[in-house]
Amino acid sequence: MAGKAAERAVRWERARQRHEDALRWAGWRPGRARRRLRYAALTPAGPLVRAAVTLGLAAYLAWSAVRGQIDGAAVLRGALLAAAVLLLSTNRASVSEAGLSFDVAGLRKVTSFGFVPLYAVTAAVTGPRPDGWPRGRWHGARLPGRGRVHVRFEDSSGEDKVRSAWVRDPEGYARTVLDGRPEKEKRSRGRRRR
């Protein structure tokens, strides 16, 4: 039992390393990333970040007004800072040959919002989360042109989990995730040989 858990953890870590290498190679420019990854789409900061930025901007402007120092420069400074935070909080939904992740532009870390190797994925669906599926972490935000996708997987300890996101082309995302699983590739290769 302990041997299987250790083997699973090592396999997970190897896949994560391959995925991080693919992300570093792809970079953050949208055209380059799309050519070098199986799927790459930028998703805006989530509602929690947007709400925090809005409250922070309002508090900064109120503080400046109370101190009697509100002018065009203070408003511009606050707006530029808010825009920088939103820009650096942009997520990218990425699928490489090894796995999927939701990385943040400002952090440039895969592990910041989790990594899931493609071999651990058991299902991917678009639309509402199916009944009986566990709740999972959300990424992105509900905006025009975005759709919901839910990916069910077994984590490194064998527990059933779900990761959900708002992405551009949710059907393409789900298809890319499911088509990249090693078991599916082995079965399709076996069919071609016949």
Protein backbone atom coordinates (compact mmCIF):
# COMPACT_ATOMS: atom_id res chain seq x y z
CA MET A 1 0.00 0.00 0.00
CA ALA A 2 2.76 2.46 0.95
CA GLY A 3 4.70 1.42 -2.17
CA LYS A 4 1.76 2.28 -4.41
CA ALA A 5 1.34 5.69 -2.79
CA ALA A 6 5.05 6.45 -3.21
CA GLU A 7 4.97 5.26 -6.82
CA ARG A 8 1.91 7.44 -7.51
CA ALA A 9 3.62 10.48 -5.94
CA VAL A 10 6.77 9.95 -8.04
CA ARG A 11 4.73 9.57 -11.23
CA TRP A 12 2.73 12.72 -10.38
CA GLU A 13 5.94 14.71 -9.76
CA ARG A 14 7.52 13.56 -13.05
CA ALA A 15 4.42 14.61 -14.99
CA ARG A 16 4.40 17.98 -13.19
CA GLN A 17 8.06 18.57 -14.14
CA ARG A 18 7.34 17.75 -17.81
CA HIS A 19 4.35 20.12 -17.72
CA GLU A 20 6.38 22.95 -16.14
CA ASP A 21 9.08 22.49 -18.81
CA ALA A 22 6.43 22.75 -21.53
CA LEU A 23 5.03 25.94 -19.95
CA ARG A 24 8.47 27.55 -19.70
CA TRP A 25 9.10 26.66 -23.34
CA ALA A 26 5.74 28.07 -24.43
CA GLY A 27 6.11 31.42 -22.65
CA TRP A 28 3.22 33.82 -22.03
CA ARG A 29 2.68 35.33 -25.47
CA PRO A 30 -0.74 34.02 -26.56
CA GLY A 31 0.21 33.04 -30.13
CA ARG A 32 3.39 31.25 -29.08
CA ALA A 33 1.70 29.42 -26.21
CA ARG A 34 -1.13 28.23 -28.47
CA ARG A 35 1.37 26.77 -30.94
CA ARG A 36 3.43 24.98 -28.29
CA LEU A 37 0.75 23.66 -25.95
CA ARG A 38 -2.19 21.38 -26.69
CA TYR A 39 -4.53 24.10 -25.34
CA ALA A 40 -3.83 27.58 -24.02
CA ALA A 41 -6.36 30.32 -23.30
CA LEU A 42 -6.11 33.39 -21.11
CA THR A 43 -8.85 33.72 -18.54
CA PRO A 44 -9.44 36.95 -16.61
CA ALA A 45 -9.03 37.27 -12.87
CA GLY A 46 -11.82 35.71 -10.87
CA PRO A 47 -14.61 37.56 -9.07
CA LEU A 48 -12.81 37.55 -5.71
CA VAL A 49 -9.76 39.33 -7.17
CA ARG A 50 -11.92 41.80 -9.09
CA ALA A 51 -13.95 42.59 -5.95
CA ALA A 52 -10.76 43.05 -3.89
CA VAL A 53 -9.30 45.40 -6.51
CA THR A 54 -12.53 47.42 -6.65
CA LEU A 55 -12.69 47.71 -2.85
CA GLY A 56 -8.99 48.57 -2.68
CA LEU A 57 -9.38 51.31 -5.29
CA ALA A 58 -12.43 52.74 -3.52
CA ALA A 59 -10.58 52.70 -0.17
CA TYR A 60 -7.52 54.39 -1.70
CA LEU A 61 -9.64 57.13 -3.28
CA ALA A 62 -11.61 57.64 -0.04
CA TRP A 63 -8.37 57.83 1.97
CA SER A 64 -6.98 60.39 -0.50
CA ALA A 65 -10.21 62.41 -0.26
CA VAL A 66 -10.17 62.40 3.56
CA ARG A 67 -6.58 63.66 3.51
CA GLY A 68 -7.59 66.35 1.00
CA GLN A 69 -5.15 65.04 -1.58
CA ILE A 70 -7.54 63.76 -4.22
CA ASP A 71 -6.78 65.07 -7.67
CA GLY A 72 -6.38 63.72 -11.18
CA ALA A 73 -2.95 62.26 -10.37
CA ALA A 74 -4.29 60.28 -7.39
CA VAL A 75 -7.15 58.88 -9.45
CA LEU A 76 -4.79 57.96 -12.30
CA ARG A 77 -2.31 56.35 -9.88
CA GLY A 78 -5.08 54.25 -8.29
CA ALA A 79 -6.50 53.23 -11.67
CA LEU A 80 -3.06 52.21 -12.98
CA LEU A 81 -2.35 50.15 -9.86
CA ALA A 82 -5.75 48.43 -10.14
CA ALA A 83 -5.15 47.68 -13.83
CA ALA A 84 -1.69 46.27 -13.05
CA VAL A 85 -3.10 43.96 -10.36
CA LEU A 86 -5.85 42.74 -12.72
CA LEU A 87 -3.36 42.18 -15.53
CA LEU A 88 -0.96 40.24 -13.30
CA SER A 89 -3.90 38.18 -11.97
CA THR A 90 -4.79 36.91 -15.44
CA ASN A 91 -4.90 33.11 -15.51
CA ARG A 92 -3.98 30.82 -18.35
CA ALA A 93 -5.75 27.50 -18.75
CA SER A 94 -2.97 25.29 -20.12
CA VAL A 95 -2.95 21.71 -21.34
CA SER A 96 0.38 20.14 -22.28
CA GLU A 97 1.27 16.57 -23.22
CA ALA A 98 1.74 15.83 -19.51
CA GLY A 99 -1.11 17.61 -17.74
CA LEU A 100 -3.30 20.64 -17.18
CA SER A 101 -2.99 23.67 -14.94
CA PHE A 102 -4.26 27.18 -14.30
CA ASP A 103 -1.23 29.43 -13.92
CA VAL A 104 -1.19 33.09 -12.96
CA ALA A 105 0.77 35.54 -15.12
CA GLY A 106 2.17 37.48 -12.16
CA LEU A 107 3.36 34.39 -10.30
CA ARG A 108 4.45 32.26 -13.29
CA LYS A 109 4.07 29.13 -11.20
CA VAL A 110 2.16 26.02 -12.16
CA THR A 111 1.74 24.90 -8.59
CA SER A 112 0.03 28.12 -7.53
CA PHE A 113 -3.37 26.87 -8.71
CA GLY A 114 -2.70 23.21 -9.01
CA PHE A 115 -1.57 20.75 -11.58
CA VAL A 116 -3.39 17.63 -12.75
CA PRO A 117 -1.59 15.03 -14.87
CA LEU A 118 -3.63 13.83 -17.84
CA TYR A 119 -3.28 10.19 -16.78
CA ALA A 120 -5.23 11.02 -13.58
CA VAL A 121 -8.21 12.53 -15.42
CA THR A 122 -11.29 10.31 -15.36
CA ALA A 123 -13.83 12.62 -17.07
CA ALA A 124 -14.30 16.11 -18.48
CA VAL A 125 -17.72 17.67 -19.12
CA THR A 126 -19.03 21.04 -20.19
CA GLY A 127 -22.03 22.88 -18.78
CA PRO A 128 -23.33 22.34 -15.26
CA ARG A 129 -21.45 20.04 -12.87
CA PRO A 130 -23.04 16.56 -13.01
CA ASP A 131 -24.94 15.29 -9.98
CA GLY A 132 -22.82 13.19 -7.66
CA TRP A 133 -19.55 14.92 -8.58
CA PRO A 134 -17.64 16.55 -5.70
CA ARG A 135 -17.35 20.32 -5.63
CA GLY A 136 -14.04 21.65 -6.88
CA ARG A 137 -12.00 24.82 -7.09
CA TRP A 138 -13.10 27.38 -9.69
CA HIS A 139 -10.79 29.27 -12.04
CA GLY A 140 -11.57 32.22 -14.28
CA ALA A 141 -14.77 34.21 -14.37
CA ARG A 142 -18.17 34.13 -16.04
CA LEU A 143 -17.78 36.47 -18.98
CA PRO A 144 -19.23 36.59 -22.51
CA GLY A 145 -17.61 33.96 -24.72
CA ARG A 146 -16.64 31.73 -21.76
CA GLY A 147 -18.20 28.40 -20.88
CA ARG A 148 -18.01 26.06 -17.90
CA VAL A 149 -15.91 22.92 -17.95
CA HIS A 150 -15.43 20.42 -15.13
CA VAL A 151 -12.54 17.95 -14.98
CA ARG A 152 -12.81 14.96 -12.64
CA PHE A 153 -9.56 13.32 -11.56
CA GLU A 154 -7.86 11.23 -8.90
CA ASP A 155 -5.35 13.29 -6.93
CA SER A 156 -1.90 12.04 -5.92
CA SER A 157 -3.35 10.32 -2.84
CA GLY A 158 -6.12 8.58 -4.85
CA GLU A 159 -8.96 10.87 -3.73
CA ASP A 160 -11.67 11.79 -6.25
CA LYS A 161 -11.63 15.57 -7.00
CA VAL A 162 -12.98 18.08 -9.51
CA ARG A 163 -11.41 21.19 -11.00
CA SER A 164 -13.81 23.62 -12.70
CA ALA A 165 -13.17 26.64 -14.91
CA TRP A 166 -14.66 29.23 -17.21
CA VAL A 167 -12.74 28.91 -20.48
CA ARG A 168 -13.00 29.94 -24.09
CA ASP A 169 -14.16 26.94 -26.18
CA PRO A 170 -15.08 24.58 -23.31
CA GLU A 171 -15.82 21.69 -25.70
CA GLY A 172 -12.34 22.05 -27.21
CA TYR A 173 -10.79 22.16 -23.74
CA ALA A 174 -12.62 19.01 -22.60
CA ARG A 175 -11.77 17.21 -25.85
CA THR A 176 -8.09 18.18 -25.54
CA VAL A 177 -7.92 16.94 -21.95
CA LEU A 178 -9.64 13.65 -22.72
CA ASP A 179 -7.72 13.01 -25.95
CA GLY A 180 -4.39 13.52 -24.17
CA ARG A 181 -4.84 10.72 -21.65
CA PRO A 182 -2.24 7.96 -22.10
CA GLU A 183 -4.81 5.11 -21.91
CA LYS A 184 -6.78 6.60 -24.79
CA GLU A 185 -3.64 7.01 -26.91
CA LYS A 186 -2.67 3.37 -26.30
CA ARG A 187 -6.13 2.13 -27.28
CA SER A 188 -6.22 4.26 -30.45
CA ARG A 189 -2.72 3.10 -31.42
CA GLY A 190 -3.84 -0.50 -30.94
CA ARG A 191 -6.80 0.04 -33.27
CA ARG A 192 -4.61 1.48 -36.00
CA ARG A 193 -2.38 -1.59 -36.06
CA ARG A 194 -5.24 -3.94 -36.87
